[in-house]
Amino acid sequence: MQQLSTVPLATAKLAGDEVIATPIGEIKLVHNYFDDDASQRLYDEMDYQRAVQCYLWCHPLVSFATWRERQAQAFDATGATDFVVFETLNEKRGIVTSNLTTPYLIHFTSLKDGPLVVEYPAGRTAGGFLDFWQRPVADTGLTGPDQGKRGRYIIVGPEDDAQKYEQPDAYVIKSTTVNLMFGLRILDPDPAFSTMFKAALKMGRLGKPLSSARFIEGLDVEWDATAPRGLDYWRLLAQVVNEEPVRTIDKAWMAMLLPLGIEKGNLFNPDARQTEILRKGAAMGELMARNLQVNPRFAEPYWAGTSWYKCFDFTIPQETDTRLELDERTTWFYEAVTSSEGMVNPKVGAGQVYMTTKRDHTGELLRADKTYKLRVPKEVPVGQFWALTLYSENTRRLYDNGGSESRSVNLDSKMKDLQYNTDGSVDLYIGANAPLGFERNFMKTVGNDGWFVYFRLYAPLQPFFDKRFALPDFERID
């Protein structure tokens, strides 16, 4: 029998007798067919590719499921009105890219037992309800329909009819998921306001008496809400798939999950083959997500000639008339958590802007063993304040450099002792060694734990939007 030469995959005829070189080894055709070994290798590759893409698709869902599960465990937050109050560095270091300038109040709930009713107090707060794809259901506070003046919210589930609950004194809004996150930040620095707000916040089920919220605070717990790697990633996905209705847009993804052992109505019990493919798929999926996060191919730097990107490059619903904004939302929800109207579509004097960078002024990636300077121009255009916060690239959580105070990973304009330059600008330093005399303006990096920052502008003003204000890149100084 004549020995067949191997042909490249792209030029293969897929007919007759042929040996085809592929990324999974040689596939031999005999009279157009291949043997059982080749068939199994093709199925393994197909399922692996599906696992990788499903990892990217479901990251917002798994990230929120992780937060809900780990928060309940770490803070014993299992009650119907339990809010965890995150204030300390230890507490906030558990949340992916949390800020350190305002406290968080976070509650997870489900709409399976009926609509949720919330009596939301007046005052300077920013927050809202998010579905489990991390999409805003409704903002509350200054950027919500109550505009900080008090409001009654009724949130109904995806298979319920919102119209039948309409009331003249309430905002009735439908969630597209059964699971719901209700979170907010208190912006008023007066401790008396925080006490008043907590006492006035009421919630419960429609048609039943509302209850005061229970606030779990002062525990200073170390914990971790970064989405897990390996099989636990898929376990959480399977759990949420069984809690939620399948949207039309999800059906193709559900078909890809089926041969991987994830199916609505069935327990997650992968066999050895599925387990190996899922582990490999999650690992490659994370590499691809991190590449999108570091080198976003769908976006350009916000300020020409720099490496600063505006964090949100997608819409509130995370989809357009023609496509799901897959790469855009993967980038954000790998790096961060939550979205809101005030974050996605900030307005002059309202909401907040997040800017991020991973490179210095030469275009080189930032390193933990070097030291860098960022010169923040005078008169940053904010109605409230600005903040520079340091994160680990590995965990995407607040950087762990051994510090016990918020200042070790956050510098902001509310700090009275920052050392300013004579022209009103301020030089902030990040790296392995503090420049002599600038220790108050310094955040330390350690070992090979790579890092990135968010520069937040709270209540951004017009010079940000028309780009009269711009940040320079970090300058390496050692």
Protein backbone atom coordinates (compact mmCIF):
# COMPACT_ATOMS: atom_id res chain seq x y z
CA MET A 1 0.00 0.00 0.00
CA GLN A 2 1.34 3.39 -0.95
CA GLN A 3 2.42 5.57 1.98
CA LEU A 4 0.31 8.75 2.10
CA SER A 5 2.03 12.07 2.66
CA THR A 6 0.69 14.36 5.37
CA VAL A 7 -1.21 17.45 4.22
CA PRO A 8 -1.87 20.64 6.20
CA LEU A 9 -5.35 21.02 7.65
CA ALA A 10 -6.11 24.17 5.64
CA THR A 11 -5.48 22.43 2.29
CA ALA A 12 -6.95 19.01 3.11
CA LYS A 13 -9.64 17.76 0.70
CA LEU A 14 -11.40 15.66 3.36
CA ALA A 15 -12.01 13.05 0.69
CA GLY A 16 -10.69 9.62 -0.18
CA ASP A 17 -7.50 8.49 1.56
CA GLU A 18 -5.67 11.30 3.31
CA VAL A 19 -3.47 12.00 6.36
CA ILE A 20 -4.20 15.45 7.78
CA ALA A 21 -1.93 17.35 10.17
CA THR A 22 -4.05 19.03 12.89
CA PRO A 23 -3.38 20.69 16.28
CA ILE A 24 -4.54 17.44 17.92
CA GLY A 25 -2.26 15.19 15.88
CA GLU A 26 -2.68 13.40 12.58
CA ILE A 27 -6.16 12.46 11.44
CA LYS A 28 -6.15 9.63 8.88
CA LEU A 29 -9.02 9.35 6.42
CA VAL A 30 -9.71 6.05 4.67
CA HIS A 31 -12.39 6.37 2.01
CA ASN A 32 -13.48 9.66 3.62
CA TYR A 33 -13.84 8.15 7.12
CA PHE A 34 -11.66 8.14 10.24
CA ASP A 35 -11.26 5.55 12.99
CA ASP A 36 -12.61 5.54 16.54
CA ASP A 37 -9.43 7.03 17.99
CA ALA A 38 -9.60 10.05 15.70
CA SER A 39 -13.30 10.41 16.43
CA GLN A 40 -12.66 10.55 20.18
CA ARG A 41 -9.82 13.04 19.78
CA LEU A 42 -12.08 15.30 17.71
CA TYR A 43 -14.82 15.12 20.36
CA ASP A 44 -12.30 15.92 23.10
CA GLU A 45 -11.07 18.95 21.18
CA MET A 46 -14.60 20.14 20.40
CA ASP A 47 -15.63 19.91 24.05
CA TYR A 48 -12.42 21.58 25.19
CA GLN A 49 -13.06 24.50 22.85
CA ARG A 50 -16.61 24.74 24.13
CA ALA A 51 -15.41 24.76 27.73
CA VAL A 52 -12.99 27.62 27.00
CA GLN A 53 -15.67 29.76 25.38
CA CYS A 54 -18.24 28.95 28.04
CA TYR A 55 -15.76 30.09 30.68
CA LEU A 56 -15.64 33.50 29.01
CA TRP A 57 -19.41 33.65 28.57
CA CYS A 58 -20.39 32.78 32.15
CA HIS A 59 -17.80 34.71 34.14
CA PRO A 60 -20.20 37.40 35.41
CA LEU A 61 -22.54 34.67 36.67
CA VAL A 62 -19.86 32.57 38.37
CA SER A 63 -18.22 35.64 39.89
CA PHE A 64 -21.45 36.70 41.59
CA ALA A 65 -22.20 33.14 42.71
CA THR A 66 -18.73 33.03 44.27
CA TRP A 67 -19.31 36.30 46.13
CA ARG A 68 -22.70 35.13 47.43
CA GLU A 69 -21.34 31.78 48.63
CA ARG A 70 -18.13 33.07 50.21
CA GLN A 71 -19.82 36.07 51.87
CA ALA A 72 -22.41 33.80 53.49
CA GLN A 73 -19.66 31.52 54.79
CA ALA A 74 -17.27 34.20 56.02
CA PHE A 75 -19.84 36.47 57.70
CA ASP A 76 -22.70 34.05 58.47
CA ALA A 77 -24.90 36.24 56.29
CA THR A 78 -27.82 33.89 55.64
CA GLY A 79 -30.82 35.86 56.91
CA ALA A 80 -33.51 37.39 54.70
CA THR A 81 -32.44 40.93 55.59
CA ASP A 82 -28.73 40.40 56.30
CA PHE A 83 -26.35 43.02 54.96
CA VAL A 84 -22.59 42.73 55.37
CA VAL A 85 -20.90 46.07 55.97
CA PHE A 86 -17.42 46.19 54.47
CA GLU A 87 -15.20 48.90 55.93
CA THR A 88 -11.77 47.59 56.94
CA LEU A 89 -8.92 46.64 54.66
CA ASN A 90 -9.29 42.95 55.57
CA GLU A 91 -13.00 42.97 54.82
CA LYS A 92 -12.68 44.83 51.53
CA ARG A 93 -9.68 42.82 50.37
CA GLY A 94 -12.05 39.92 49.79
CA ILE A 95 -14.00 41.79 47.09
CA VAL A 96 -12.67 42.00 43.54
CA THR A 97 -11.40 45.58 42.85
CA SER A 98 -13.24 47.09 45.80
CA ASN A 99 -12.65 50.73 46.72
CA LEU A 100 -11.35 51.86 50.09
CA THR A 101 -12.91 55.28 50.37
CA THR A 102 -16.53 54.46 51.22
CA PRO A 103 -18.17 51.56 53.09
CA TYR A 104 -20.12 48.89 51.19
CA LEU A 105 -23.42 47.40 52.36
CA ILE A 106 -24.07 44.14 50.47
CA HIS A 107 -27.06 41.77 50.48
CA PHE A 108 -27.83 38.74 48.30
CA THR A 109 -31.37 37.45 47.91
CA SER A 110 -33.67 35.44 45.64
CA LEU A 111 -37.01 36.33 44.04
CA LYS A 112 -38.25 32.73 43.99
CA ASP A 113 -40.55 33.46 46.96
CA GLY A 114 -42.07 36.56 45.39
CA PRO A 115 -41.29 40.23 44.72
CA LEU A 116 -38.85 42.06 46.96
CA VAL A 117 -39.96 45.36 48.53
CA VAL A 118 -37.42 47.88 49.77
CA GLU A 119 -38.09 51.17 51.55
CA TYR A 120 -34.98 53.12 50.60
CA PRO A 121 -34.10 56.15 52.78
CA ALA A 122 -33.11 59.60 51.54
CA GLY A 123 -29.55 60.86 51.54
CA ARG A 124 -26.20 60.73 49.79
CA THR A 125 -25.78 57.10 48.77
CA ALA A 126 -25.01 55.26 45.53
CA GLY A 127 -26.07 51.72 44.82
CA GLY A 128 -28.73 49.52 43.36
CA PHE A 129 -30.07 46.10 42.49
CA LEU A 130 -28.14 43.87 40.09
CA ASP A 131 -29.16 40.65 38.40
CA PHE A 132 -26.76 37.70 38.40
CA TRP A 133 -25.29 38.69 35.05
CA GLN A 134 -24.17 41.77 37.01
CA ARG A 135 -26.46 44.05 35.05
CA PRO A 136 -28.26 46.93 36.78
CA VAL A 137 -31.90 46.22 37.52
CA ALA A 138 -32.27 49.66 39.08
CA ASP A 139 -29.92 52.18 40.61
CA THR A 140 -30.76 53.60 44.02
CA GLY A 141 -29.71 56.81 45.70
CA LEU A 142 -28.21 59.74 43.84
CA THR A 143 -28.10 58.00 40.43
CA GLY A 144 -31.39 56.14 40.87
CA PRO A 145 -34.95 57.25 40.16
CA ASP A 146 -35.33 58.37 43.80
CA GLN A 147 -32.37 60.78 43.23
CA GLY A 148 -31.44 60.51 46.88
CA LYS A 149 -34.88 61.68 48.05
CA ARG A 150 -36.26 58.34 49.37
CA GLY A 151 -38.08 55.69 47.37
CA ARG A 152 -40.10 52.50 47.53
CA TYR A 153 -38.81 49.77 45.20
CA ILE A 154 -40.63 46.59 44.15
CA ILE A 155 -38.39 44.11 42.30
CA VAL A 156 -40.19 41.25 40.55
CA GLY A 157 -38.75 38.05 39.12
CA PRO A 158 -38.13 37.15 35.47
CA GLU A 159 -41.24 35.00 35.12
CA ASP A 160 -43.55 37.45 36.90
CA ASP A 161 -45.69 40.27 35.47
CA ALA A 162 -44.42 43.62 36.68
CA GLN A 163 -47.53 45.50 35.52
CA LYS A 164 -49.81 43.83 38.05
CA TYR A 165 -47.75 45.29 40.89
CA GLU A 166 -47.73 48.89 39.69
CA GLN A 167 -48.38 51.43 42.44
CA PRO A 168 -48.30 55.23 42.26
CA ASP A 169 -45.79 55.53 45.09
CA ALA A 170 -43.36 52.78 44.02
CA TYR A 171 -40.76 52.00 41.39
CA VAL A 172 -41.73 48.57 40.04
CA ILE A 173 -38.89 46.94 38.15
CA LYS A 174 -38.40 43.48 36.68
CA SER A 175 -35.22 41.45 37.12
CA THR A 176 -34.10 39.05 34.39
CA THR A 177 -32.70 36.62 36.99
CA VAL A 178 -34.16 35.02 40.09
CA ASN A 179 -31.01 35.78 42.07
CA LEU A 180 -30.39 39.37 43.02
CA MET A 181 -27.66 41.44 44.61
CA PHE A 182 -28.60 44.61 46.49
CA GLY A 183 -25.59 46.76 47.28
CA LEU A 184 -24.84 50.36 48.10
CA ARG A 185 -22.17 52.77 49.25
CA ILE A 186 -22.78 55.50 51.82
CA LEU A 187 -21.28 58.72 50.49
CA ASP A 188 -22.18 61.02 53.38
CA PRO A 189 -19.18 60.92 55.76
CA ASP A 190 -21.22 61.91 58.83
CA PRO A 191 -21.49 58.86 61.17
CA ALA A 192 -24.91 60.14 62.27
CA PHE A 193 -26.18 59.80 58.70
CA SER A 194 -24.97 56.20 58.49
CA THR A 195 -26.80 55.37 61.71
CA MET A 196 -29.98 57.05 60.48
CA PHE A 197 -29.83 55.36 57.08
CA LYS A 198 -29.38 51.88 58.53
CA ALA A 199 -32.28 52.37 60.93
CA ALA A 200 -34.59 53.58 58.15
CA LEU A 201 -33.82 50.86 55.56
CA LYS A 202 -36.70 48.34 55.45
CA MET A 203 -37.29 45.33 53.25
CA GLY A 204 -39.40 42.22 52.84
CA ARG A 205 -41.81 40.35 50.58
CA LEU A 206 -44.75 42.03 48.91
CA GLY A 207 -47.92 41.77 50.95
CA LYS A 208 -46.07 41.07 54.19
CA PRO A 209 -44.79 43.43 56.89
CA LEU A 210 -41.37 44.88 56.12
CA SER A 211 -38.47 44.29 58.48
CA SER A 212 -35.47 46.32 59.50
CA ALA A 213 -32.22 45.24 57.92
CA ARG A 214 -29.65 43.39 60.01
CA PHE A 215 -26.16 44.77 59.54
CA ILE A 216 -23.22 42.47 60.11
CA GLU A 217 -20.22 44.68 60.79
CA GLY A 218 -17.02 45.07 62.72
CA LEU A 219 -15.78 41.50 62.13
CA ASP A 220 -12.60 42.46 60.22
CA VAL A 221 -12.62 39.06 58.47
CA GLU A 222 -10.08 37.98 55.85
CA TRP A 223 -11.86 36.25 52.97
CA ASP A 224 -11.74 35.74 49.20
CA ALA A 225 -14.44 36.29 46.54
CA THR A 226 -12.26 35.81 43.44
CA ALA A 227 -13.92 33.29 41.13
CA PRO A 228 -12.39 29.84 41.73
CA ARG A 229 -10.19 27.93 39.32
CA GLY A 230 -10.61 24.33 38.24
CA LEU A 231 -13.72 22.24 38.80
CA ASP A 232 -15.22 24.56 41.44
CA TYR A 233 -15.75 27.15 38.70
CA TRP A 234 -18.07 24.76 36.87
CA ARG A 235 -19.73 23.53 40.06
CA LEU A 236 -20.90 27.07 40.78
CA LEU A 237 -22.07 27.53 37.20
CA ALA A 238 -24.10 24.30 37.33
CA GLN A 239 -25.65 25.43 40.61
CA VAL A 240 -26.80 28.78 39.21
CA VAL A 241 -28.00 27.21 35.93
CA ASN A 242 -30.43 25.18 38.04
CA GLU A 243 -31.62 28.30 39.87
CA GLU A 244 -32.32 30.48 36.85
CA PRO A 245 -34.60 30.37 33.80
CA VAL A 246 -32.79 29.92 30.50
CA ARG A 247 -32.95 33.08 28.40
CA THR A 248 -33.20 32.82 24.62
CA ILE A 249 -29.70 34.28 24.32
CA ASP A 250 -28.35 31.49 26.57
CA LYS A 251 -29.64 28.50 24.59
CA ALA A 252 -26.59 28.12 22.35
CA TRP A 253 -24.35 28.20 25.43
CA MET A 254 -26.51 25.62 27.17
CA ALA A 255 -26.04 23.35 24.14
CA MET A 256 -22.26 23.72 24.47
CA LEU A 257 -22.41 22.89 28.18
CA LEU A 258 -24.49 19.74 27.69
CA PRO A 259 -21.64 17.35 26.69
CA LEU A 260 -19.58 18.81 29.54
CA GLY A 261 -22.05 17.53 32.15
CA ILE A 262 -23.91 20.80 32.88
CA GLU A 263 -27.63 20.68 32.11
CA LYS A 264 -30.61 22.40 33.66
CA GLY A 265 -32.55 19.94 35.80
CA ASN A 266 -29.64 17.57 36.32
CA LEU A 267 -27.00 17.29 39.01
CA PHE A 268 -23.42 18.16 38.14
CA ASN A 269 -21.50 14.89 38.28
CA PRO A 270 -18.83 14.94 35.54
CA ASP A 271 -17.00 11.76 34.64
CA ALA A 272 -13.21 11.57 34.46
CA ARG A 273 -13.09 12.68 30.82
CA GLN A 274 -15.39 15.68 31.41
CA THR A 275 -13.48 16.62 34.55
CA GLU A 276 -10.17 16.78 32.69
CA ILE A 277 -11.66 18.83 29.85
CA LEU A 278 -13.36 21.24 32.28
CA ARG A 279 -10.14 21.79 34.22
CA LYS A 280 -8.18 22.50 31.04
CA GLY A 281 -10.99 24.68 29.66
CA ALA A 282 -11.11 26.84 32.78
CA ALA A 283 -7.32 27.27 32.77
CA MET A 284 -7.18 28.31 29.11
CA GLY A 285 -10.31 30.43 29.51
CA GLU A 286 -8.65 32.39 32.29
CA LEU A 287 -5.54 32.95 30.21
CA MET A 288 -7.73 34.35 27.44
CA ALA A 289 -9.70 36.50 29.89
CA ARG A 290 -6.50 37.92 31.32
CA ASN A 291 -5.19 38.68 27.84
CA LEU A 292 -8.39 40.60 27.10
CA GLN A 293 -8.05 42.44 30.40
CA VAL A 294 -4.41 43.44 29.85
CA ASN A 295 -4.60 44.02 26.08
CA PRO A 296 -8.23 44.89 25.22
CA ARG A 297 -8.42 44.62 21.45
CA PHE A 298 -11.89 46.17 21.29
CA ALA A 299 -10.87 49.50 22.88
CA GLU A 300 -8.43 52.36 22.48
CA PRO A 301 -6.76 54.28 25.31
CA TYR A 302 -8.98 57.09 26.55
CA TRP A 303 -6.21 59.68 26.35
CA ALA A 304 -4.17 59.60 23.14
CA GLY A 305 -0.52 58.72 23.65
CA THR A 306 -1.13 56.97 26.99
CA SER A 307 -2.00 53.46 28.19
CA TRP A 308 -5.00 54.56 30.29
CA TYR A 309 -8.31 52.87 29.48
CA LYS A 310 -11.80 53.78 30.63
CA CYS A 311 -13.04 50.63 32.29
CA PHE A 312 -16.52 50.42 30.83
CA ASP A 313 -16.69 49.81 27.09
CA PHE A 314 -20.07 48.10 26.93
CA THR A 315 -23.74 48.88 27.44
CA ILE A 316 -26.00 48.38 30.44
CA PRO A 317 -27.69 45.25 28.96
CA GLN A 318 -24.31 43.84 27.80
CA GLU A 319 -25.70 43.29 24.31
CA THR A 320 -26.59 45.27 21.21
CA ASP A 321 -29.20 44.67 18.50
CA THR A 322 -26.80 42.32 16.74
CA ARG A 323 -24.48 40.72 19.31
CA LEU A 324 -23.63 39.89 22.89
CA GLU A 325 -20.78 42.12 24.08
CA LEU A 326 -18.79 39.05 25.06
CA ASP A 327 -15.19 40.31 25.04
CA GLU A 328 -16.11 43.63 26.62
CA ARG A 329 -17.96 42.15 29.55
CA THR A 330 -15.41 39.35 30.01
CA THR A 331 -12.72 42.01 30.39
CA TRP A 332 -14.62 43.90 33.07
CA PHE A 333 -16.03 40.99 35.03
CA TYR A 334 -12.73 39.13 35.10
CA GLU A 335 -11.12 42.25 36.51
CA ALA A 336 -13.99 43.61 38.60
CA VAL A 337 -17.52 43.15 39.90
CA THR A 338 -20.84 45.00 39.51
CA SER A 339 -22.08 47.64 37.14
CA SER A 340 -24.55 50.47 37.49
CA GLU A 341 -26.01 53.32 35.48
CA GLY A 342 -23.70 55.69 37.34
CA MET A 343 -20.65 53.57 36.47
CA VAL A 344 -21.48 52.76 32.84
CA ASN A 345 -22.99 56.12 31.89
CA PRO A 346 -21.66 58.74 34.32
CA LYS A 347 -22.89 62.29 33.87
CA VAL A 348 -21.24 65.58 34.66
CA GLY A 349 -21.25 65.87 38.44
CA ALA A 350 -22.86 62.44 39.03
CA GLY A 351 -21.69 58.83 39.09
CA GLN A 352 -18.10 57.69 38.94
CA VAL A 353 -15.40 57.00 36.38
CA TYR A 354 -12.84 54.20 36.66
CA MET A 355 -9.57 54.50 34.73
CA THR A 356 -7.01 51.69 34.61
CA THR A 357 -3.54 50.98 33.20
CA LYS A 358 -1.10 48.08 33.11
CA ARG A 359 1.86 49.77 31.33
CA ASP A 360 4.41 52.50 31.98
CA HIS A 361 5.29 55.49 29.77
CA THR A 362 7.52 53.33 27.56
CA GLY A 363 4.74 50.80 26.94
CA GLU A 364 6.33 48.16 29.17
CA LEU A 365 4.13 46.16 31.53
CA LEU A 366 4.28 47.26 35.16
CA ARG A 367 6.51 45.15 37.42
CA ALA A 368 6.43 44.44 41.14
CA ASP A 369 10.22 44.69 41.51
CA LYS A 370 10.48 48.22 40.06
CA THR A 371 9.32 51.61 41.31
CA TYR A 372 7.11 54.05 39.39
CA LYS A 373 5.85 57.61 39.70
CA LEU A 374 2.45 58.94 38.64
CA ARG A 375 2.11 62.73 38.48
CA VAL A 376 -1.52 63.66 39.10
CA PRO A 377 -2.19 67.13 37.68
CA LYS A 378 -3.61 69.85 39.88
CA GLU A 379 -7.35 70.42 39.92
CA VAL A 380 -8.56 66.93 39.10
CA PRO A 381 -12.12 67.54 37.77
CA VAL A 382 -14.27 65.90 40.44
CA GLY A 383 -17.25 67.10 42.41
CA GLN A 384 -16.37 64.79 45.28
CA PHE A 385 -12.85 63.27 45.32
CA TRP A 386 -10.36 61.12 43.41
CA ALA A 387 -8.57 57.95 44.51
CA LEU A 388 -5.71 55.77 43.26
CA THR A 389 -6.08 52.15 44.40
CA LEU A 390 -3.64 49.25 44.02
CA TYR A 391 -4.70 45.71 43.02
CA SER A 392 -3.06 42.32 42.47
CA GLU A 393 -3.23 41.05 38.90
CA ASN A 394 -3.50 37.48 40.15
CA THR A 395 -6.49 37.93 42.47
CA ARG A 396 -7.82 41.25 41.11
CA ARG A 397 -8.39 42.14 44.75
CA LEU A 398 -6.72 44.78 46.87
CA TYR A 399 -2.97 44.24 46.85
CA ASP A 400 -1.57 42.34 49.83
CA ASN A 401 1.77 43.95 50.66
CA GLY A 402 1.66 43.20 54.37
CA GLY A 403 0.08 46.54 55.25
CA SER A 404 -2.75 46.65 57.77
CA GLU A 405 -4.12 50.09 56.93
CA SER A 406 -6.11 51.22 53.90
CA ARG A 407 -3.42 53.74 53.08
CA SER A 408 -1.02 50.91 52.18
CA VAL A 409 -3.05 50.30 48.98
CA ASN A 410 -5.02 53.51 48.48
CA LEU A 411 -4.10 57.18 48.12
CA ASP A 412 -6.79 59.79 47.60
CA SER A 413 -7.55 63.49 47.60
CA LYS A 414 -9.27 63.29 51.00
CA MET A 415 -5.89 62.64 52.65
CA LYS A 416 -4.69 65.86 54.23
CA ASP A 417 -1.04 64.82 54.53
CA LEU A 418 -0.21 63.96 50.91
CA GLN A 419 2.91 65.85 49.83
CA TYR A 420 1.95 68.15 46.93
CA ASN A 421 4.25 69.90 44.46
CA THR A 422 4.45 73.70 44.38
CA ASP A 423 2.31 73.84 41.20
CA GLY A 424 -0.53 71.92 42.87
CA SER A 425 0.19 68.57 41.25
CA VAL A 426 1.00 65.50 43.34
CA ASP A 427 3.46 62.67 42.66
CA LEU A 428 2.25 59.24 43.76
CA TYR A 429 4.65 56.29 43.89
CA ILE A 430 4.11 52.54 43.54
CA GLY A 431 6.82 49.93 43.64
CA ALA A 432 9.46 48.04 45.52
CA ASN A 433 11.07 51.01 47.30
CA ALA A 434 9.70 54.31 48.60
CA PRO A 435 11.58 57.40 47.36
CA LEU A 436 13.22 59.18 50.28
CA GLY A 437 10.93 61.85 51.65
CA PHE A 438 7.81 60.62 49.82
CA GLU A 439 6.78 57.76 52.08
CA ARG A 440 3.32 59.33 52.58
CA ASN A 441 2.75 59.20 48.81
CA PHE A 442 3.87 55.58 48.38
CA MET A 443 2.25 52.12 47.97
CA LYS A 444 4.51 49.08 48.15
CA THR A 445 4.65 46.08 45.79
CA VAL A 446 6.25 42.79 46.81
CA GLY A 447 7.93 39.80 45.21
CA ASN A 448 6.62 39.00 41.74
CA ASP A 449 2.98 39.82 42.50
CA GLY A 450 2.11 41.88 39.42
CA TRP A 451 -0.20 44.84 39.90
CA PHE A 452 -2.52 47.35 38.29
CA VAL A 453 -4.43 50.40 39.51
CA TYR A 454 -7.78 52.11 39.27
CA PHE A 455 -7.86 55.88 39.25
CA ARG A 456 -11.41 56.75 40.30
CA LEU A 457 -13.08 60.10 39.73
CA TYR A 458 -16.16 60.54 41.89
CA ALA A 459 -18.73 62.93 40.38
CA PRO A 460 -16.54 63.68 37.33
CA LEU A 461 -16.77 67.19 35.89
CA GLN A 462 -16.74 68.50 32.32
CA PRO A 463 -12.93 68.66 31.81
CA PHE A 464 -12.83 64.85 32.10
CA PHE A 465 -15.49 64.32 29.45
CA ASP A 466 -14.00 66.76 26.92
CA LYS A 467 -10.50 65.45 27.78
CA ARG A 468 -9.05 68.79 28.84
CA PHE A 469 -7.92 66.76 31.86
CA ALA A 470 -5.63 63.77 31.27
CA LEU A 471 -3.38 61.58 33.36
CA PRO A 472 0.15 60.83 32.16
CA ASP A 473 1.47 57.29 32.20
CA PHE A 474 3.45 55.90 35.11
CA GLU A 475 7.16 56.72 34.82
CA ARG A 476 9.65 54.11 35.99
CA ILE A 477 12.19 55.78 38.26
CA ASP A 478 14.63 53.00 39.21
